[in-house]
Amino acid sequence: MQLHGTLKFVTWPRQKVDSEIKEKAKEIRDEVKRKLTKVLDKILICNSKEANQDINDMYGILVRLQNLILTFEREFSKRKREKNMVDFHDVEHFALDILLNAKEVAKKYQDKYEEIAIDEYQDSNLVQEYILTAISRKNNIFMVGDVKQSIYKFRQAMPELFLNKYKNYQKKESKSSEDDLKIQLFKNFRSKQNILQFTNLMFENIMSQTLGDMDYNQEEYLNLGATYPNINQNEKIEINLIDSVALEEKQIEEAEEEENIADMELEAKFVANKIKKLVQNRYQVWDKKQEKYRDIQYRDIVILLRTTSKVAPIYEQEILNLQMPVFSDSSQEYLEAIEIQTIMSLLKIIDNPIQDIPLVTVMRSNIGKFTDDELIQIRLADKQDNFYTCLQKAKLSVGSILKQKIEDFLEKLTQWRKEQEYLALDELIWKIYSDTGYYHYVRTHAKWNIETS
């Protein structure tokens, strides 16, 4: 702080200098001075006494925060035990506890597995690493990964586990008997040479140790593995940059990774027109079956998107607007349909009825036929316990009509829970459709919507 306060740039000589570079030198000096001052003003904002005082002031707050986190963890774990529930991270830690505290269990798995193969190793975390180490023989693990594809640090993935091995394992030609073996798989069997050359050129300039944890150099290049006879070596690579300026009122304030809807539509229009031009101009593609080049067809083209739930329908519509065929994998949207969600919720409570949200979902649907007022009456039977227990207790306090409705619903649920022990899943679902008439309800509802739209 004191040094910053006394920091001064050396004064230039005052004699008159006639030179073409004088003003350029002055601009550079002023720019350096401005940037340095800006950085120092952000970092050196207090002296040592003030910094220590801040630390002392924060200590009490951090201790309380620590106690809050530990208390929450204990209470959260207690509640999960009471409900006989675990999450994915619990499973990892329980497995690790067993392997570390019961050596005979770890020894059993070491003897059982001749080889352990791990895919996407760059996305492993430290807990998984300890688990794999505990069940391995130290020399029977085969790991496959690419740190350039690591995208899960926000989920506690540790690509440095991969990098450490990548740097220390040795290639076959330089490996000693004590070294672990590194096999580099750098051949690409999907792309043409011009695509790979451009990809290598781009990433060589943007990927480094500081950005991407690895220097993208010739040792990391993707090399041609595919064969394209009579290929046009001068075929160009295109990058299309769309400069869009969206009006403020059209901006959609969502998470940072979400794209603006207006920008999506603009990109989709561009892509749709690009596809139309490719087909109209009879762009040539290599056909492996015919072993010759032919005119491009719509089925040769695929659009890769970062996310599909919101973006895919926009692209689909723009392509349809140009009278071109299009198929969008809408499996995710299919599963999100209310009819599917209702059956999914029913299967969840058949497995475990002590799940409030799936249970209420089914009760409010055409399967349960409970009204909102009836659900409120049931909840008032016990405001503290889970909704399934409320159903049992409500039979003693509600009117005869609602009581009969509850008993009928619970009887069906009990019946399905027994049948799921011996019926295959598809048979169980069809049995549910038959018992509830839900299949015919959905068909009638969908038909009515089509006829009235």
Protein backbone atom coordinates (compact mmCIF):
# COMPACT_ATOMS: atom_id res chain seq x y z
CA MET A 1 0.00 0.00 0.00
CA GLN A 2 2.84 2.38 0.93
CA LEU A 3 4.72 1.47 -2.26
CA HIS A 4 1.60 2.16 -4.32
CA GLY A 5 1.29 5.59 -2.69
CA THR A 6 4.83 6.55 -3.67
CA LEU A 7 4.83 4.91 -7.10
CA LYS A 8 5.88 7.39 -9.78
CA PHE A 9 6.91 7.02 -13.38
CA VAL A 10 10.31 8.44 -14.33
CA THR A 11 9.99 11.93 -15.76
CA TRP A 12 10.97 12.16 -19.39
CA PRO A 13 13.81 14.49 -20.47
CA ARG A 14 12.57 18.00 -21.10
CA GLN A 15 14.69 18.74 -24.15
CA LYS A 16 12.84 19.20 -27.39
CA VAL A 17 12.76 16.07 -29.54
CA ASP A 18 11.61 16.00 -33.13
CA SER A 19 10.73 12.42 -33.92
CA GLU A 20 7.91 10.55 -35.64
CA ILE A 21 7.71 8.05 -32.79
CA LYS A 22 7.52 10.60 -29.97
CA GLU A 23 3.72 10.70 -29.85
CA LYS A 24 3.50 6.92 -30.28
CA ALA A 25 5.89 6.41 -27.35
CA LYS A 26 3.88 8.82 -25.24
CA GLU A 27 0.65 6.95 -26.04
CA ILE A 28 2.23 3.63 -25.02
CA ARG A 29 3.59 5.11 -21.77
CA ASP A 30 0.22 6.69 -20.88
CA GLU A 31 -1.63 3.43 -21.65
CA VAL A 32 0.72 1.38 -19.44
CA LYS A 33 0.39 3.93 -16.65
CA ARG A 34 -3.40 3.92 -16.94
CA LYS A 35 -3.68 0.10 -16.88
CA LEU A 36 -1.25 -0.29 -13.97
CA THR A 37 -3.02 2.36 -11.92
CA LYS A 38 -6.40 0.77 -12.63
CA VAL A 39 -5.19 -2.66 -11.46
CA LEU A 40 -3.48 -1.33 -8.33
CA ASP A 41 -6.53 0.74 -7.39
CA LYS A 42 -8.61 -2.45 -7.39
CA ILE A 43 -6.14 -4.58 -5.43
CA LEU A 44 -4.47 -2.22 -2.97
CA ILE A 45 -7.58 -0.78 -1.40
CA CYS A 46 -6.48 -0.86 2.25
CA ASN A 47 -3.37 -1.04 4.42
CA SER A 48 -2.25 -4.02 6.53
CA LYS A 49 -3.99 -2.78 9.67
CA GLU A 50 -7.31 -2.38 7.84
CA ALA A 51 -6.93 -5.79 6.15
CA ASN A 52 -6.30 -7.53 9.49
CA GLN A 53 -9.26 -5.74 11.01
CA ASP A 54 -11.48 -7.00 8.16
CA ILE A 55 -10.28 -10.56 8.81
CA ASN A 56 -11.05 -10.27 12.51
CA ASP A 57 -14.48 -8.82 11.78
CA MET A 58 -15.29 -11.63 9.34
CA TYR A 59 -14.14 -14.42 11.68
CA GLY A 60 -17.28 -14.43 13.80
CA ILE A 61 -19.51 -14.36 10.72
CA LEU A 62 -17.62 -17.25 9.08
CA VAL A 63 -17.79 -19.35 12.26
CA ARG A 64 -21.57 -18.88 12.38
CA LEU A 65 -21.81 -19.73 8.69
CA GLN A 66 -19.73 -22.86 9.28
CA ASN A 67 -21.99 -23.92 12.16
CA LEU A 68 -25.07 -23.27 10.02
CA ILE A 69 -23.73 -25.47 7.19
CA LEU A 70 -22.78 -28.30 9.57
CA THR A 71 -26.15 -28.08 11.34
CA PHE A 72 -27.97 -28.16 8.02
CA GLU A 73 -25.93 -31.18 6.89
CA ARG A 74 -26.78 -33.10 10.09
CA GLU A 75 -30.48 -32.22 9.89
CA PHE A 76 -30.67 -32.94 6.15
CA SER A 77 -29.03 -36.34 6.64
CA LYS A 78 -31.41 -37.08 9.52
CA ARG A 79 -34.48 -36.24 7.42
CA LYS A 80 -33.26 -38.42 4.55
CA ARG A 81 -32.71 -41.35 6.94
CA GLU A 82 -36.21 -40.89 8.35
CA LYS A 83 -37.67 -41.07 4.84
CA ASN A 84 -35.31 -43.90 3.88
CA MET A 85 -33.92 -41.81 1.01
CA VAL A 86 -30.45 -41.25 -0.43
CA ASP A 87 -29.14 -39.06 -3.25
CA PHE A 88 -26.35 -39.78 -5.71
CA HIS A 89 -23.64 -38.15 -3.58
CA ASP A 90 -24.77 -40.20 -0.56
CA VAL A 91 -24.29 -43.41 -2.53
CA GLU A 92 -20.75 -42.35 -3.48
CA HIS A 93 -19.77 -41.53 0.10
CA PHE A 94 -21.45 -44.61 1.61
CA ALA A 95 -19.59 -46.81 -0.87
CA LEU A 96 -16.30 -45.11 -0.03
CA ASP A 97 -16.90 -45.46 3.72
CA ILE A 98 -17.51 -49.20 3.33
CA LEU A 99 -14.43 -49.72 1.16
CA LEU A 100 -12.15 -47.75 3.47
CA ASN A 101 -13.47 -49.10 6.78
CA ALA A 102 -14.12 -52.70 5.74
CA LYS A 103 -10.93 -53.85 4.06
CA GLU A 104 -12.35 -57.31 3.42
CA VAL A 105 -15.02 -55.77 1.18
CA ALA A 106 -12.40 -53.88 -0.84
CA LYS A 107 -10.32 -57.07 -1.08
CA LYS A 108 -13.36 -58.96 -2.38
CA TYR A 109 -13.78 -56.52 -5.28
CA GLN A 110 -10.05 -56.43 -5.97
CA ASP A 111 -10.19 -60.21 -6.46
CA LYS A 112 -13.42 -60.06 -8.44
CA TYR A 113 -12.47 -57.58 -11.19
CA GLU A 114 -9.72 -58.59 -13.61
CA GLU A 115 -9.87 -55.20 -15.32
CA ILE A 116 -11.55 -51.87 -14.54
CA ALA A 117 -12.41 -49.68 -17.54
CA ILE A 118 -13.41 -46.04 -17.01
CA ASP A 119 -14.85 -43.83 -19.74
CA GLU A 120 -14.91 -39.99 -19.67
CA TYR A 121 -12.22 -40.07 -17.00
CA GLN A 122 -11.64 -36.32 -17.28
CA ASP A 123 -14.98 -35.81 -15.49
CA SER A 124 -14.18 -37.99 -12.47
CA ASN A 125 -14.11 -36.47 -8.99
CA LEU A 126 -11.93 -37.24 -5.98
CA VAL A 127 -14.49 -39.48 -4.27
CA GLN A 128 -14.81 -41.62 -7.41
CA GLU A 129 -11.01 -41.74 -7.68
CA TYR A 130 -10.72 -43.11 -4.13
CA ILE A 131 -13.42 -45.71 -4.84
CA LEU A 132 -11.65 -46.91 -7.98
CA THR A 133 -8.30 -47.00 -6.20
CA ALA A 134 -9.80 -49.02 -3.34
CA ILE A 135 -11.18 -51.78 -5.59
CA SER A 136 -8.26 -51.95 -8.03
CA ARG A 137 -5.02 -53.92 -7.94
CA LYS A 138 -3.14 -50.73 -8.87
CA ASN A 139 -2.20 -52.18 -12.28
CA ASN A 140 -5.55 -53.15 -13.80
CA ILE A 141 -7.22 -49.79 -14.47
CA PHE A 142 -7.76 -48.60 -18.05
CA MET A 143 -8.91 -44.98 -18.31
CA VAL A 144 -10.16 -43.18 -21.42
CA GLY A 145 -10.64 -39.44 -21.51
CA ASP A 146 -9.92 -36.11 -23.12
CA VAL A 147 -9.40 -33.08 -20.91
CA LYS A 148 -10.40 -30.85 -23.83
CA GLN A 149 -13.94 -32.22 -23.36
CA SER A 150 -14.14 -31.58 -19.63
CA ILE A 151 -17.27 -29.55 -18.90
CA TYR A 152 -18.33 -30.66 -15.41
CA LYS A 153 -16.12 -28.70 -12.99
CA PHE A 154 -19.31 -27.15 -11.62
CA ARG A 155 -20.27 -30.68 -10.50
CA GLN A 156 -16.97 -31.14 -8.66
CA ALA A 157 -15.24 -32.93 -11.55
CA MET A 158 -11.45 -32.72 -11.27
CA PRO A 159 -9.81 -32.77 -14.72
CA GLU A 160 -6.48 -32.37 -12.92
CA LEU A 161 -6.75 -36.08 -12.01
CA PHE A 162 -6.61 -36.85 -15.73
CA LEU A 163 -3.91 -34.27 -16.41
CA ASN A 164 -1.66 -35.60 -13.67
CA LYS A 165 -1.71 -39.07 -15.20
CA TYR A 166 -1.45 -37.70 -18.73
CA LYS A 167 1.74 -35.86 -17.82
CA ASN A 168 3.31 -38.68 -15.79
CA TYR A 169 2.35 -41.77 -17.78
CA GLN A 170 4.83 -42.70 -20.52
CA LYS A 171 4.42 -43.69 -24.16
CA LYS A 172 5.36 -47.24 -25.11
CA GLU A 173 8.64 -46.26 -26.76
CA SER A 174 9.93 -44.42 -23.66
CA LYS A 175 8.24 -46.50 -20.92
CA SER A 176 10.22 -48.41 -18.30
CA SER A 177 8.89 -51.44 -16.43
CA GLU A 178 7.85 -49.23 -13.50
CA ASP A 179 6.05 -46.62 -15.58
CA ASP A 180 2.34 -46.53 -16.34
CA LEU A 181 1.46 -46.65 -20.03
CA LYS A 182 -0.02 -43.75 -22.00
CA ILE A 183 -1.70 -44.45 -25.35
CA GLN A 184 -2.60 -41.40 -27.42
CA LEU A 185 -5.60 -41.75 -29.72
CA PHE A 186 -5.43 -38.77 -32.04
CA LYS A 187 -6.89 -40.09 -35.28
CA ASN A 188 -10.24 -38.69 -36.30
CA PHE A 189 -12.37 -40.97 -38.49
CA ARG A 190 -15.31 -38.61 -38.98
CA SER A 191 -13.96 -35.48 -40.64
CA LYS A 192 -12.15 -34.47 -43.80
CA GLN A 193 -8.62 -33.10 -43.76
CA ASN A 194 -9.70 -29.49 -44.30
CA ILE A 195 -12.04 -29.65 -41.28
CA LEU A 196 -9.25 -31.02 -39.07
CA GLN A 197 -6.72 -28.47 -40.29
CA PHE A 198 -9.06 -25.62 -39.50
CA THR A 199 -9.99 -27.06 -36.08
CA ASN A 200 -6.33 -27.48 -35.19
CA LEU A 201 -5.52 -23.95 -36.34
CA MET A 202 -8.35 -22.44 -34.29
CA PHE A 203 -7.67 -24.28 -31.05
CA GLU A 204 -3.92 -23.84 -31.30
CA ASN A 205 -4.60 -20.12 -30.95
CA ILE A 206 -7.22 -20.17 -28.18
CA MET A 207 -6.46 -23.19 -25.96
CA SER A 208 -3.60 -23.02 -23.47
CA GLN A 209 -2.66 -24.01 -19.94
CA THR A 210 -4.47 -20.95 -18.60
CA LEU A 211 -7.52 -21.44 -20.84
CA GLY A 212 -8.36 -25.14 -21.04
CA ASP A 213 -5.63 -26.63 -18.80
CA MET A 214 -3.62 -27.75 -21.83
CA ASP A 215 -1.48 -26.29 -24.58
CA TYR A 216 -3.08 -27.25 -27.89
CA ASN A 217 0.00 -27.90 -30.01
CA GLN A 218 1.03 -30.42 -32.66
CA GLU A 219 1.13 -33.21 -30.08
CA GLU A 220 -2.58 -32.59 -29.44
CA TYR A 221 -3.65 -32.16 -33.06
CA LEU A 222 -6.49 -34.24 -34.51
CA ASN A 223 -5.11 -36.31 -37.39
CA LEU A 224 -6.94 -37.65 -40.42
CA GLY A 225 -8.12 -41.23 -40.07
CA ALA A 226 -10.95 -41.34 -42.60
CA THR A 227 -10.63 -41.97 -46.34
CA TYR A 228 -12.40 -39.77 -48.89
CA PRO A 229 -11.41 -40.77 -52.46
CA ASN A 230 -10.96 -37.98 -55.02
CA ILE A 231 -11.48 -35.34 -52.36
CA ASN A 232 -11.26 -31.71 -53.35
CA GLN A 233 -8.29 -30.50 -51.31
CA ASN A 234 -9.23 -26.87 -51.95
CA GLU A 235 -12.68 -27.22 -50.41
CA LYS A 236 -13.26 -24.24 -48.14
CA ILE A 237 -14.30 -24.11 -44.52
CA GLU A 238 -16.96 -21.57 -43.61
CA ILE A 239 -17.55 -19.69 -40.38
CA ASN A 240 -20.58 -17.43 -40.47
CA LEU A 241 -20.76 -14.69 -37.85
CA ILE A 242 -24.13 -13.05 -37.37
CA ASP A 243 -23.97 -9.52 -35.97
CA SER A 244 -27.32 -8.97 -34.32
CA VAL A 245 -28.56 -6.01 -32.33
CA ALA A 246 -31.70 -6.84 -30.35
CA LEU A 247 -34.05 -4.22 -28.99
CA GLU A 248 -34.03 -3.90 -25.20
CA GLU A 249 -37.70 -4.75 -24.88
CA LYS A 250 -37.06 -8.06 -26.67
CA GLN A 251 -34.26 -9.14 -24.35
CA ILE A 252 -35.07 -12.24 -22.33
CA GLU A 253 -33.54 -12.16 -18.86
CA GLU A 254 -32.65 -15.77 -18.23
CA ALA A 255 -29.60 -17.69 -17.01
CA GLU A 256 -26.30 -16.61 -18.55
CA GLU A 257 -26.05 -19.65 -20.81
CA GLU A 258 -29.50 -19.05 -22.32
CA GLU A 259 -29.49 -17.37 -25.69
CA ASN A 260 -31.74 -14.50 -26.64
CA ILE A 261 -34.90 -15.65 -28.45
CA ALA A 262 -34.52 -13.02 -31.17
CA ASP A 263 -30.95 -14.16 -31.82
CA MET A 264 -32.10 -17.78 -32.00
CA GLU A 265 -34.69 -16.90 -34.63
CA LEU A 266 -32.10 -14.97 -36.64
CA GLU A 267 -29.66 -17.89 -36.54
CA ALA A 268 -32.42 -20.36 -37.40
CA LYS A 269 -33.45 -18.29 -40.45
CA PHE A 270 -29.84 -18.18 -41.62
CA VAL A 271 -29.40 -21.96 -41.21
CA ALA A 272 -32.68 -22.73 -42.99
CA ASN A 273 -31.67 -20.56 -45.96
CA LYS A 274 -28.21 -22.12 -46.00
CA ILE A 275 -29.72 -25.61 -46.21
CA LYS A 276 -32.01 -24.55 -49.03
CA LYS A 277 -29.07 -23.15 -51.02
CA LEU A 278 -27.01 -26.30 -50.51
CA VAL A 279 -29.80 -28.45 -51.92
CA GLN A 280 -30.65 -26.07 -54.75
CA ASN A 281 -26.98 -25.81 -55.80
CA ARG A 282 -26.62 -29.61 -55.67
CA TYR A 283 -23.71 -29.58 -53.26
CA GLN A 284 -21.66 -32.80 -53.60
CA VAL A 285 -21.25 -35.26 -50.71
CA TRP A 286 -19.42 -38.60 -50.56
CA ASP A 287 -21.72 -41.62 -50.36
CA LYS A 288 -19.96 -44.56 -48.67
CA LYS A 289 -22.49 -47.14 -49.89
CA GLN A 290 -22.39 -46.03 -53.51
CA GLU A 291 -18.68 -45.18 -53.25
CA LYS A 292 -19.11 -41.99 -55.23
CA TYR A 293 -20.06 -38.35 -54.87
CA ARG A 294 -23.72 -37.42 -55.30
CA ASP A 295 -26.09 -34.49 -54.83
CA ILE A 296 -26.73 -33.59 -51.22
CA GLN A 297 -30.09 -34.64 -49.74
CA TYR A 298 -31.95 -33.30 -46.74
CA ARG A 299 -31.20 -36.46 -44.77
CA ASP A 300 -27.45 -35.73 -45.10
CA ILE A 301 -27.79 -32.58 -42.99
CA VAL A 302 -27.86 -32.38 -39.21
CA ILE A 303 -28.01 -29.29 -37.02
CA LEU A 304 -26.11 -29.58 -33.74
CA LEU A 305 -27.42 -27.42 -30.90
CA ARG A 306 -26.10 -26.80 -27.41
CA THR A 307 -29.60 -27.19 -25.97
CA THR A 308 -32.74 -28.44 -27.70
CA SER A 309 -35.74 -27.87 -25.42
CA LYS A 310 -36.29 -24.22 -26.46
CA VAL A 311 -34.09 -23.89 -29.52
CA ALA A 312 -35.07 -26.93 -31.61
CA PRO A 313 -38.73 -25.85 -32.16
CA ILE A 314 -37.49 -22.47 -33.48
CA TYR A 315 -35.20 -24.13 -36.03
CA GLU A 316 -37.91 -26.60 -36.93
CA GLN A 317 -40.40 -23.82 -37.66
CA GLU A 318 -37.97 -21.81 -39.79
CA ILE A 319 -37.14 -24.87 -41.90
CA LEU A 320 -40.82 -25.69 -42.33
CA ASN A 321 -41.44 -22.08 -43.42
CA LEU A 322 -39.23 -22.78 -46.44
CA GLN A 323 -41.21 -25.95 -47.29
CA MET A 324 -38.36 -28.30 -46.39
CA PRO A 325 -38.73 -31.58 -44.47
CA VAL A 326 -37.38 -31.64 -40.93
CA PHE A 327 -37.24 -34.05 -38.00
CA SER A 328 -36.56 -32.96 -34.45
CA ASP A 329 -35.77 -35.43 -31.69
CA SER A 330 -38.44 -34.30 -29.25
CA SER A 331 -38.11 -37.17 -26.77
CA GLN A 332 -37.53 -34.70 -23.95
CA GLU A 333 -40.68 -32.74 -24.84
CA TYR A 334 -42.56 -36.04 -25.10
CA LEU A 335 -41.60 -36.95 -21.53
CA GLU A 336 -42.64 -33.48 -20.35
CA ALA A 337 -46.22 -33.89 -21.66
CA ILE A 338 -48.78 -33.82 -18.84
CA GLU A 339 -50.16 -37.25 -19.83
CA ILE A 340 -46.70 -38.85 -19.53
CA GLN A 341 -45.86 -36.94 -16.34
CA THR A 342 -49.07 -38.21 -14.73
CA ILE A 343 -48.24 -41.86 -15.43
CA MET A 344 -44.62 -41.28 -14.34
CA SER A 345 -45.92 -39.83 -11.06
CA LEU A 346 -48.21 -42.84 -10.59
CA LEU A 347 -45.30 -45.25 -11.11
CA LYS A 348 -43.31 -43.28 -8.53
CA ILE A 349 -45.95 -43.65 -5.83
CA ILE A 350 -46.51 -47.31 -6.69
CA ASP A 351 -42.83 -47.73 -5.86
CA ASN A 352 -42.99 -45.42 -2.82
CA PRO A 353 -46.25 -43.62 -1.91
CA ILE A 354 -44.50 -41.31 0.58
CA GLN A 355 -43.75 -38.76 -2.14
CA ASP A 356 -46.03 -35.76 -1.79
CA ILE A 357 -45.68 -34.11 -5.21
CA PRO A 358 -46.20 -37.25 -7.37
CA LEU A 359 -49.05 -38.34 -5.07
CA VAL A 360 -50.92 -35.04 -5.32
CA THR A 361 -50.25 -34.95 -9.09
CA VAL A 362 -52.04 -38.29 -9.52
CA MET A 363 -54.87 -37.35 -7.15
CA ARG A 364 -55.58 -34.11 -9.05
CA SER A 365 -55.47 -35.90 -12.42
CA ASN A 366 -58.29 -37.73 -14.15
CA ILE A 367 -57.04 -40.88 -12.42
CA GLY A 368 -57.73 -39.65 -8.88
CA LYS A 369 -60.37 -37.03 -9.73
CA PHE A 370 -59.84 -35.17 -6.41
CA THR A 371 -60.72 -31.46 -6.40
CA ASP A 372 -58.54 -28.77 -4.85
CA ASP A 373 -61.04 -28.34 -1.99
CA GLU A 374 -60.90 -32.06 -1.25
CA LEU A 375 -57.12 -32.03 -1.21
CA ILE A 376 -57.19 -29.15 1.28
CA GLN A 377 -59.56 -31.12 3.55
CA ILE A 378 -57.19 -34.07 3.43
CA ARG A 379 -54.16 -31.92 4.27
CA LEU A 380 -55.98 -30.42 7.28
CA ALA A 381 -56.17 -33.92 8.77
CA ASP A 382 -52.45 -33.59 9.62
CA LYS A 383 -50.45 -30.52 8.61
CA GLN A 384 -47.09 -31.95 9.64
CA ASP A 385 -46.94 -35.45 8.18
CA ASN A 386 -46.58 -36.60 4.56
CA PHE A 387 -49.67 -36.57 2.32
CA TYR A 388 -49.97 -40.36 2.19
CA THR A 389 -50.34 -40.45 5.98
CA CYS A 390 -52.85 -37.59 5.73
CA LEU A 391 -54.96 -39.78 3.44
CA GLN A 392 -55.07 -42.52 6.09
CA LYS A 393 -56.02 -40.07 8.85
CA ALA A 394 -58.52 -38.09 6.74
CA LYS A 395 -60.82 -41.13 6.47
CA LEU A 396 -61.67 -40.60 10.15
CA SER A 397 -62.59 -36.91 9.86
CA VAL A 398 -64.06 -36.16 6.42
CA GLY A 399 -67.56 -36.67 5.08
CA SER A 400 -68.81 -40.02 3.77
CA ILE A 401 -68.48 -39.11 0.06
CA LEU A 402 -64.85 -38.00 0.35
CA LYS A 403 -64.11 -40.94 2.66
CA GLN A 404 -65.35 -43.39 0.01
CA LYS A 405 -63.31 -41.59 -2.63
CA ILE A 406 -60.16 -41.90 -0.52
CA GLU A 407 -60.79 -45.59 0.19
CA ASP A 408 -61.32 -46.34 -3.52
CA PHE A 409 -58.09 -44.55 -4.43
CA LEU A 410 -56.04 -46.28 -1.72
CA GLU A 411 -57.50 -49.66 -2.68
CA LYS A 412 -56.41 -49.20 -6.31
CA LEU A 413 -52.97 -48.03 -5.22
CA THR A 414 -52.55 -51.04 -2.93
CA GLN A 415 -53.64 -53.35 -5.73
CA TRP A 416 -51.12 -51.83 -8.21
CA ARG A 417 -48.34 -52.04 -5.62
CA LYS A 418 -49.00 -55.77 -5.29
CA GLU A 419 -49.21 -56.30 -9.05
CA GLN A 420 -45.93 -54.50 -9.72
CA GLU A 421 -44.18 -57.34 -7.88
CA TYR A 422 -44.91 -59.82 -10.67
CA LEU A 423 -46.04 -57.84 -13.75
CA ALA A 424 -43.60 -56.57 -16.37
CA LEU A 425 -43.52 -52.77 -16.61
CA ASP A 426 -45.39 -52.60 -19.91
CA GLU A 427 -48.04 -54.99 -18.57
CA LEU A 428 -48.41 -52.94 -15.39
CA ILE A 429 -48.85 -49.70 -17.35
CA TRP A 430 -51.47 -51.27 -19.62
CA LYS A 431 -53.24 -52.66 -16.53
CA ILE A 432 -53.31 -49.13 -15.07
CA TYR A 433 -54.74 -47.79 -18.34
CA SER A 434 -57.46 -50.45 -18.25
CA ASP A 435 -58.31 -49.94 -14.55
CA THR A 436 -58.54 -46.15 -14.80
CA GLY A 437 -59.72 -45.57 -18.37
CA TYR A 438 -56.90 -43.01 -18.62
CA TYR A 439 -55.80 -44.24 -22.06
CA HIS A 440 -59.26 -43.56 -23.56
CA TYR A 441 -59.48 -40.25 -21.68
CA VAL A 442 -56.20 -39.02 -23.21
CA ARG A 443 -57.20 -40.21 -26.70
CA THR A 444 -60.58 -38.46 -26.49
CA HIS A 445 -59.01 -35.30 -25.05
CA ALA A 446 -56.35 -35.18 -27.81
CA LYS A 447 -58.96 -35.78 -30.53
CA TRP A 448 -61.16 -33.01 -29.16
CA ASN A 449 -58.22 -30.59 -29.15
CA ILE A 450 -57.40 -31.40 -32.79
CA GLU A 451 -61.01 -30.98 -33.96
CA THR A 452 -61.49 -27.65 -32.12
CA SER A 453 -58.11 -26.09 -32.99
